[in-house]
Structure formats: C-alpha cells, structure tokens
Amino acid sequence: MRIVVIDGQGGGIGRSLVELLVRNFPDAEIGAVGTNTVATETMLKGGPAFAATGENAVVFNAAEADVIVGPAGIIMANAMHGEISPAIAMAISSSKAKVVLIPMNHCRAYIAGVEEKKVGEYLQDAIDIVRRLSAEK
C-alpha cells in the first residue's frame, strides 16, 4: 500500500502523520509531499520512504497513491495562505486514492458533526481510519 502525506506551511502536522504511519504500517510505502521546501524538510524527519516538493509532486503522487492523508485544507484551492493551488486541490480531490483529512479550522473549513479535539486525537483517528482502509484491501 502506498500512503502519501501531503502538507504545507511548516509541515508539523505532516511530520506527525509520517511518524505515526511509519510506526503503524511498516510494510507500507509512506511518502511525504510538501507544498514548500520547509514542509518537506520537516516531514523528512519523520522517516518517509520518499519525499518530494511542489505542485507537480503533489499532482503526480496523488495519482499514484492508495491513501492520501493530510489537513483538510489540502482539498481547498488557495488554502494555507495560497499554498494549495487549484491544481493541487483538483489532483487530490480527483485521485482514486482514499483521502483521510485532519480537520483543522485554520483554513476556513469547519466540518459539521466533527467534535472539537486536540490535534493528537485527530491524528490517532486518522491512523485508525488508515488501518481500517488497509484491512479492506
């Protein structure tokens, strides 16, 4: 299974996701794709199998992924202070991959029905969802 973590800004959420995924899915290929070099460099510290940076890297890897994980803003054009281009949002939204989103209210996105939690709890929820998805294969 190929799991791609996509993040922007400073890459902190992405790094935490990469670390958790690497630890919980040792047989999966975990990739880190940042919208900028700082995000990618931060996610590299989590130990992914590969990493890449930029719009084309997101477009390419979204098409190749079985599962995409990242903050909710990755599917919203112009989110993350403009780092999420329309092409990035479209590539992720159009991918055949399962998409697991972390609800972060920083990107103007409020998801009804999602209870307020600490980021660490959302990250663990994401790992649990990926576990269920991997069992379906």
N, C-alpha and C. Protein backbone atom coordinates (compact mmCIF):
# COMPACT_ATOMS: atom_id res chain seq x y z
N MET A 1 0.85 -1.17 0.00
CA MET A 1 0.00 0.00 0.00
C MET A 1 0.90 1.24 0.00
N ARG A 2 0.51 2.22 -0.81
CA ARG A 2 1.27 3.47 -0.90
C ARG A 2 0.45 4.58 -0.25
N ILE A 3 0.98 5.12 0.85
CA ILE A 3 0.31 6.18 1.60
C ILE A 3 1.12 7.46 1.42
N VAL A 4 0.46 8.52 0.96
CA VAL A 4 1.12 9.78 0.71
C VAL A 4 0.57 10.82 1.68
N VAL A 5 1.46 11.42 2.44
CA VAL A 5 1.11 12.52 3.35
C VAL A 5 1.41 13.81 2.61
N ILE A 6 0.41 14.70 2.58
CA ILE A 6 0.59 15.99 1.92
C ILE A 6 0.37 17.09 2.96
N ASP A 7 1.31 18.03 3.01
CA ASP A 7 1.19 19.14 3.96
C ASP A 7 1.90 20.36 3.39
N GLY A 8 1.63 21.49 3.98
CA GLY A 8 2.25 22.74 3.59
C GLY A 8 2.70 23.49 4.82
N GLN A 9 2.82 24.83 4.68
CA GLN A 9 3.26 25.69 5.78
C GLN A 9 4.56 25.14 6.38
N GLY A 10 4.57 24.84 7.69
CA GLY A 10 5.77 24.33 8.34
C GLY A 10 5.90 22.82 8.33
N GLY A 11 4.86 22.11 7.92
CA GLY A 11 4.91 20.66 7.81
C GLY A 11 4.78 19.90 9.12
N GLY A 12 4.40 20.57 10.20
CA GLY A 12 4.32 19.90 11.50
C GLY A 12 3.29 18.79 11.58
N ILE A 13 2.11 19.04 11.04
CA ILE A 13 1.07 18.01 11.03
C ILE A 13 1.54 16.84 10.17
N GLY A 14 2.12 17.16 9.02
CA GLY A 14 2.63 16.12 8.13
C GLY A 14 3.71 15.27 8.77
N ARG A 15 4.62 15.90 9.50
CA ARG A 15 5.68 15.13 10.17
C ARG A 15 5.07 14.18 11.19
N SER A 16 4.13 14.66 11.97
CA SER A 16 3.49 13.78 12.97
C SER A 16 2.78 12.62 12.28
N LEU A 17 2.10 12.90 11.18
CA LEU A 17 1.42 11.84 10.43
C LEU A 17 2.42 10.82 9.89
N VAL A 18 3.51 11.32 9.29
CA VAL A 18 4.53 10.41 8.74
C VAL A 18 5.07 9.51 9.84
N GLU A 19 5.43 10.09 10.98
CA GLU A 19 5.97 9.29 12.09
C GLU A 19 4.99 8.21 12.51
N LEU A 20 3.72 8.57 12.68
CA LEU A 20 2.71 7.60 13.11
C LEU A 20 2.48 6.52 12.06
N LEU A 21 2.45 6.91 10.80
CA LEU A 21 2.23 5.94 9.73
C LEU A 21 3.40 4.99 9.59
N VAL A 22 4.62 5.51 9.65
CA VAL A 22 5.81 4.66 9.56
C VAL A 22 5.81 3.63 10.69
N ARG A 23 5.46 4.07 11.89
CA ARG A 23 5.44 3.19 13.05
C ARG A 23 4.31 2.15 12.96
N ASN A 24 3.15 2.55 12.47
CA ASN A 24 1.98 1.68 12.47
C ASN A 24 1.82 0.83 11.21
N PHE A 25 2.49 1.20 10.13
CA PHE A 25 2.36 0.48 8.86
C PHE A 25 3.74 0.20 8.28
N PRO A 26 4.51 -0.67 8.92
CA PRO A 26 5.89 -0.90 8.49
C PRO A 26 6.01 -1.49 7.08
N ASP A 27 4.98 -2.14 6.58
CA ASP A 27 5.04 -2.73 5.25
C ASP A 27 4.56 -1.79 4.15
N ALA A 28 4.02 -0.65 4.53
CA ALA A 28 3.52 0.31 3.54
C ALA A 28 4.64 1.23 3.09
N GLU A 29 4.49 1.76 1.89
CA GLU A 29 5.41 2.77 1.38
C GLU A 29 4.81 4.13 1.76
N ILE A 30 5.46 4.81 2.69
CA ILE A 30 4.98 6.10 3.18
C ILE A 30 5.77 7.21 2.50
N GLY A 31 5.05 8.11 1.84
CA GLY A 31 5.69 9.23 1.18
C GLY A 31 5.27 10.55 1.80
N ALA A 32 6.13 11.54 1.70
CA ALA A 32 5.86 12.87 2.23
C ALA A 32 5.99 13.87 1.09
N VAL A 33 4.92 14.61 0.83
CA VAL A 33 4.94 15.59 -0.24
C VAL A 33 4.55 16.94 0.35
N GLY A 34 5.47 17.88 0.27
CA GLY A 34 5.24 19.21 0.80
C GLY A 34 4.93 20.20 -0.30
N THR A 35 4.11 21.18 0.02
CA THR A 35 3.84 22.24 -0.94
C THR A 35 4.99 23.23 -0.99
N ASN A 36 5.89 23.16 -0.03
CA ASN A 36 7.08 24.02 0.01
C ASN A 36 8.23 23.24 0.62
N THR A 37 9.45 23.75 0.49
CA THR A 37 10.62 23.02 0.96
C THR A 37 10.66 22.88 2.47
N VAL A 38 10.19 23.87 3.20
CA VAL A 38 10.19 23.77 4.67
C VAL A 38 9.30 22.61 5.11
N ALA A 39 8.10 22.51 4.54
CA ALA A 39 7.19 21.41 4.90
C ALA A 39 7.81 20.07 4.57
N THR A 40 8.43 19.96 3.41
CA THR A 40 9.06 18.70 3.02
C THR A 40 10.21 18.35 3.96
N GLU A 41 11.07 19.31 4.25
CA GLU A 41 12.20 19.07 5.15
C GLU A 41 11.72 18.63 6.53
N THR A 42 10.65 19.23 7.02
CA THR A 42 10.11 18.85 8.32
C THR A 42 9.57 17.43 8.28
N MET A 43 8.84 17.09 7.22
CA MET A 43 8.28 15.74 7.12
C MET A 43 9.35 14.69 6.95
N LEU A 44 10.48 15.04 6.32
CA LEU A 44 11.59 14.09 6.18
C LEU A 44 12.08 13.58 7.53
N LYS A 45 11.95 14.39 8.56
CA LYS A 45 12.39 13.99 9.90
C LYS A 45 11.53 12.86 10.46
N GLY A 46 10.37 12.63 9.86
CA GLY A 46 9.50 11.54 10.29
C GLY A 46 9.86 10.19 9.71
N GLY A 47 10.80 10.16 8.74
CA GLY A 47 11.30 8.90 8.19
C GLY A 47 10.51 8.30 7.04
N PRO A 48 10.00 9.10 6.10
CA PRO A 48 9.27 8.52 4.98
C PRO A 48 10.19 7.76 4.03
N ALA A 49 9.60 6.90 3.20
CA ALA A 49 10.36 6.18 2.18
C ALA A 49 10.82 7.12 1.07
N PHE A 50 10.03 8.16 0.80
CA PHE A 50 10.39 9.14 -0.21
C PHE A 50 9.76 10.47 0.15
N ALA A 51 10.28 11.52 -0.47
CA ALA A 51 9.73 12.86 -0.26
C ALA A 51 9.88 13.65 -1.55
N ALA A 52 8.99 14.61 -1.72
CA ALA A 52 9.03 15.47 -2.90
C ALA A 52 8.38 16.80 -2.53
N THR A 53 8.62 17.80 -3.38
CA THR A 53 8.13 19.15 -3.08
C THR A 53 7.49 19.77 -4.31
N GLY A 54 6.40 20.50 -4.07
CA GLY A 54 5.81 21.35 -5.09
C GLY A 54 4.54 20.82 -5.72
N GLU A 55 3.97 21.69 -6.54
CA GLU A 55 2.68 21.38 -7.17
C GLU A 55 2.74 20.12 -8.02
N ASN A 56 3.74 20.01 -8.88
CA ASN A 56 3.81 18.83 -9.74
C ASN A 56 4.01 17.56 -8.92
N ALA A 57 4.77 17.64 -7.85
CA ALA A 57 4.97 16.47 -6.99
C ALA A 57 3.65 16.03 -6.36
N VAL A 58 2.83 16.98 -5.95
CA VAL A 58 1.52 16.62 -5.39
C VAL A 58 0.66 15.99 -6.47
N VAL A 59 0.60 16.60 -7.65
CA VAL A 59 -0.24 16.08 -8.73
C VAL A 59 0.19 14.66 -9.09
N PHE A 60 1.48 14.43 -9.26
CA PHE A 60 1.99 13.11 -9.63
C PHE A 60 1.70 12.07 -8.54
N ASN A 61 2.05 12.39 -7.29
CA ASN A 61 1.91 11.41 -6.22
C ASN A 61 0.46 11.17 -5.81
N ALA A 62 -0.42 12.16 -5.99
CA ALA A 62 -1.85 11.93 -5.71
C ALA A 62 -2.40 10.86 -6.64
N ALA A 63 -1.93 10.86 -7.88
CA ALA A 63 -2.40 9.88 -8.86
C ALA A 63 -1.86 8.48 -8.57
N GLU A 64 -0.73 8.40 -7.89
CA GLU A 64 -0.08 7.11 -7.62
C GLU A 64 -0.45 6.52 -6.26
N ALA A 65 -1.11 7.29 -5.40
CA ALA A 65 -1.37 6.88 -4.01
C ALA A 65 -2.56 5.94 -3.89
N ASP A 66 -2.50 5.09 -2.88
CA ASP A 66 -3.67 4.31 -2.46
C ASP A 66 -4.45 5.08 -1.41
N VAL A 67 -3.71 5.80 -0.55
CA VAL A 67 -4.31 6.61 0.51
C VAL A 67 -3.55 7.93 0.57
N ILE A 68 -4.28 9.03 0.68
CA ILE A 68 -3.70 10.36 0.87
C ILE A 68 -4.15 10.84 2.24
N VAL A 69 -3.21 11.36 3.03
CA VAL A 69 -3.53 11.85 4.37
C VAL A 69 -2.96 13.26 4.51
N GLY A 70 -3.75 14.14 5.12
CA GLY A 70 -3.27 15.50 5.35
C GLY A 70 -4.34 16.36 5.98
N PRO A 71 -4.01 17.61 6.27
CA PRO A 71 -5.01 18.52 6.83
C PRO A 71 -6.12 18.80 5.81
N ALA A 72 -7.31 19.11 6.29
CA ALA A 72 -8.47 19.31 5.42
C ALA A 72 -8.23 20.34 4.34
N GLY A 73 -7.39 21.33 4.59
CA GLY A 73 -7.13 22.39 3.63
C GLY A 73 -6.52 21.93 2.33
N ILE A 74 -5.96 20.72 2.27
CA ILE A 74 -5.31 20.27 1.04
C ILE A 74 -6.29 20.08 -0.11
N ILE A 75 -7.57 20.04 0.18
CA ILE A 75 -8.55 19.90 -0.91
C ILE A 75 -9.26 21.22 -1.22
N MET A 76 -8.78 22.31 -0.62
CA MET A 76 -9.38 23.63 -0.83
C MET A 76 -8.41 24.55 -1.56
N ALA A 77 -8.77 24.94 -2.80
CA ALA A 77 -7.93 25.85 -3.56
C ALA A 77 -7.67 27.12 -2.76
N ASN A 78 -6.43 27.54 -2.74
CA ASN A 78 -5.96 28.76 -2.08
C ASN A 78 -5.89 28.68 -0.56
N ALA A 79 -6.08 27.51 0.00
CA ALA A 79 -5.93 27.34 1.45
C ALA A 79 -4.45 27.43 1.81
N MET A 80 -4.19 27.43 3.09
CA MET A 80 -2.82 27.52 3.63
C MET A 80 -2.11 28.75 3.07
N HIS A 81 -2.79 29.89 3.14
CA HIS A 81 -2.24 31.16 2.68
C HIS A 81 -1.82 31.11 1.21
N GLY A 82 -2.59 30.38 0.42
CA GLY A 82 -2.34 30.31 -1.02
C GLY A 82 -1.44 29.18 -1.47
N GLU A 83 -0.94 28.37 -0.55
CA GLU A 83 -0.04 27.28 -0.94
C GLU A 83 -0.77 26.17 -1.70
N ILE A 84 -2.05 26.02 -1.47
CA ILE A 84 -2.80 24.97 -2.16
C ILE A 84 -3.38 25.58 -3.44
N SER A 85 -2.73 25.30 -4.54
CA SER A 85 -3.19 25.83 -5.82
C SER A 85 -4.44 25.08 -6.26
N PRO A 86 -5.20 25.64 -7.19
CA PRO A 86 -6.33 24.90 -7.73
C PRO A 86 -5.92 23.54 -8.30
N ALA A 87 -4.73 23.46 -8.90
CA ALA A 87 -4.26 22.18 -9.46
C ALA A 87 -4.02 21.15 -8.36
N ILE A 88 -3.48 21.58 -7.23
CA ILE A 88 -3.25 20.66 -6.11
C ILE A 88 -4.59 20.17 -5.56
N ALA A 89 -5.51 21.09 -5.30
CA ALA A 89 -6.82 20.71 -4.77
C ALA A 89 -7.52 19.75 -5.72
N MET A 90 -7.47 20.02 -7.01
CA MET A 90 -8.11 19.17 -8.01
C MET A 90 -7.45 17.79 -8.06
N ALA A 91 -6.13 17.74 -8.02
CA ALA A 91 -5.42 16.46 -8.09
C ALA A 91 -5.79 15.56 -6.92
N ILE A 92 -5.87 16.13 -5.74
CA ILE A 92 -6.21 15.33 -4.55
C ILE A 92 -7.68 14.92 -4.60
N SER A 93 -8.54 15.87 -4.92
CA SER A 93 -9.98 15.59 -4.97
C SER A 93 -10.33 14.58 -6.07
N SER A 94 -9.58 14.57 -7.15
CA SER A 94 -9.85 13.69 -8.29
C SER A 94 -9.14 12.35 -8.20
N SER A 95 -8.23 12.21 -7.27
CA SER A 95 -7.46 10.97 -7.15
C SER A 95 -8.37 9.80 -6.82
N LYS A 96 -7.98 8.64 -7.29
CA LYS A 96 -8.72 7.41 -6.95
C LYS A 96 -8.37 6.92 -5.55
N ALA A 97 -7.39 7.57 -4.94
CA ALA A 97 -6.97 7.20 -3.58
C ALA A 97 -8.07 7.52 -2.58
N LYS A 98 -8.07 6.79 -1.47
CA LYS A 98 -8.89 7.16 -0.33
C LYS A 98 -8.22 8.38 0.29
N VAL A 99 -8.99 9.35 0.72
CA VAL A 99 -8.43 10.58 1.28
C VAL A 99 -8.86 10.70 2.74
N VAL A 100 -7.89 10.79 3.63
CA VAL A 100 -8.14 10.92 5.06
C VAL A 100 -7.70 12.33 5.46
N LEU A 101 -8.67 13.14 5.89
CA LEU A 101 -8.40 14.54 6.20
C LEU A 101 -8.44 14.81 7.69
N ILE A 102 -7.50 15.61 8.15
CA ILE A 102 -7.45 16.05 9.54
C ILE A 102 -8.18 17.40 9.60
N PRO A 103 -9.26 17.50 10.38
CA PRO A 103 -9.98 18.78 10.44
C PRO A 103 -9.16 19.83 11.19
N MET A 104 -8.77 20.85 10.46
CA MET A 104 -8.02 21.96 11.03
C MET A 104 -8.78 23.23 10.69
N ASN A 105 -9.22 23.97 11.66
CA ASN A 105 -10.03 25.15 11.42
C ASN A 105 -9.23 26.35 10.93
N HIS A 106 -7.94 26.19 10.71
CA HIS A 106 -7.11 27.31 10.27
C HIS A 106 -7.34 27.67 8.81
N CYS A 107 -7.95 26.80 8.05
CA CYS A 107 -8.11 27.02 6.60
C CYS A 107 -9.52 27.42 6.23
N ARG A 108 -10.24 28.01 7.13
CA ARG A 108 -11.61 28.45 6.90
C ARG A 108 -12.58 27.29 6.75
N ALA A 109 -12.16 26.08 6.97
CA ALA A 109 -13.02 24.92 6.79
C ALA A 109 -13.49 24.42 8.16
N TYR A 110 -14.79 24.45 8.34
CA TYR A 110 -15.39 23.91 9.55
C TYR A 110 -16.26 22.75 9.11
N ILE A 111 -16.02 21.59 9.65
CA ILE A 111 -16.72 20.40 9.22
C ILE A 111 -17.80 20.08 10.25
N ALA A 112 -19.05 20.21 9.84
CA ALA A 112 -20.17 19.96 10.74
C ALA A 112 -20.15 18.52 11.21
N GLY A 113 -20.47 18.34 12.47
CA GLY A 113 -20.53 17.00 13.03
C GLY A 113 -19.22 16.49 13.58
N VAL A 114 -18.15 17.22 13.37
CA VAL A 114 -16.84 16.82 13.89
C VAL A 114 -16.65 17.48 15.24
N GLU A 115 -16.44 16.65 16.25
CA GLU A 115 -16.27 17.22 17.58
C GLU A 115 -14.89 17.85 17.75
N GLU A 116 -14.83 18.85 18.57
CA GLU A 116 -13.58 19.55 18.86
C GLU A 116 -12.65 18.62 19.64
N LYS A 117 -11.45 18.39 19.11
CA LYS A 117 -10.46 17.53 19.75
C LYS A 117 -9.10 18.18 19.67
N LYS A 118 -8.17 17.62 20.41
CA LYS A 118 -6.78 18.03 20.29
C LYS A 118 -6.21 17.42 19.01
N VAL A 119 -5.20 18.07 18.45
CA VAL A 119 -4.62 17.60 17.20
C VAL A 119 -4.15 16.14 17.31
N GLY A 120 -3.53 15.78 18.42
CA GLY A 120 -3.06 14.41 18.61
C GLY A 120 -4.18 13.38 18.52
N GLU A 121 -5.36 13.75 19.00
CA GLU A 121 -6.51 12.85 18.92
C GLU A 121 -6.98 12.70 17.47
N TYR A 122 -6.97 13.79 16.72
CA TYR A 122 -7.31 13.70 15.30
C TYR A 122 -6.31 12.84 14.55
N LEU A 123 -5.03 12.98 14.89
CA LEU A 123 -4.01 12.17 14.23
C LEU A 123 -4.21 10.69 14.51
N GLN A 124 -4.55 10.35 15.75
CA GLN A 124 -4.80 8.95 16.07
C GLN A 124 -6.05 8.45 15.34
N ASP A 125 -7.07 9.29 15.22
CA ASP A 125 -8.26 8.92 14.45
C ASP A 125 -7.87 8.61 13.00
N ALA A 126 -6.98 9.43 12.43
CA ALA A 126 -6.53 9.21 11.05
C ALA A 126 -5.82 7.87 10.91
N ILE A 127 -4.98 7.54 11.87
CA ILE A 127 -4.28 6.24 11.84
C ILE A 127 -5.29 5.11 11.90
N ASP A 128 -6.30 5.24 12.74
CA ASP A 128 -7.33 4.21 12.85
C ASP A 128 -8.09 4.04 11.53
N ILE A 129 -8.36 5.15 10.85
CA ILE A 129 -9.05 5.08 9.56
C ILE A 129 -8.17 4.39 8.52
N VAL A 130 -6.88 4.75 8.47
CA VAL A 130 -5.96 4.09 7.53
C VAL A 130 -5.87 2.61 7.84
N ARG A 131 -5.87 2.24 9.10
CA ARG A 131 -5.84 0.82 9.48
C ARG A 131 -7.06 0.09 8.92
N ARG A 132 -8.25 0.71 9.07
CA ARG A 132 -9.47 0.09 8.52
C ARG A 132 -9.37 -0.02 6.99
N LEU A 133 -8.87 1.03 6.34
CA LEU A 133 -8.74 1.00 4.88
C LEU A 133 -7.76 -0.07 4.43
N SER A 134 -6.67 -0.25 5.15
CA SER A 134 -5.68 -1.26 4.77
C SER A 134 -6.22 -2.67 4.96
N ALA A 135 -7.12 -2.84 5.91
CA ALA A 135 -7.73 -4.16 6.13
C ALA A 135 -8.71 -4.52 5.01
N GLU A 136 -9.26 -3.50 4.34
CA GLU A 136 -10.21 -3.72 3.24
C GLU A 136 -9.54 -4.28 2.00
N LYS A 137 -8.25 -4.06 1.84
CA LYS A 137 -7.54 -4.46 0.61
C LYS A 137 -7.34 -5.93 0.53
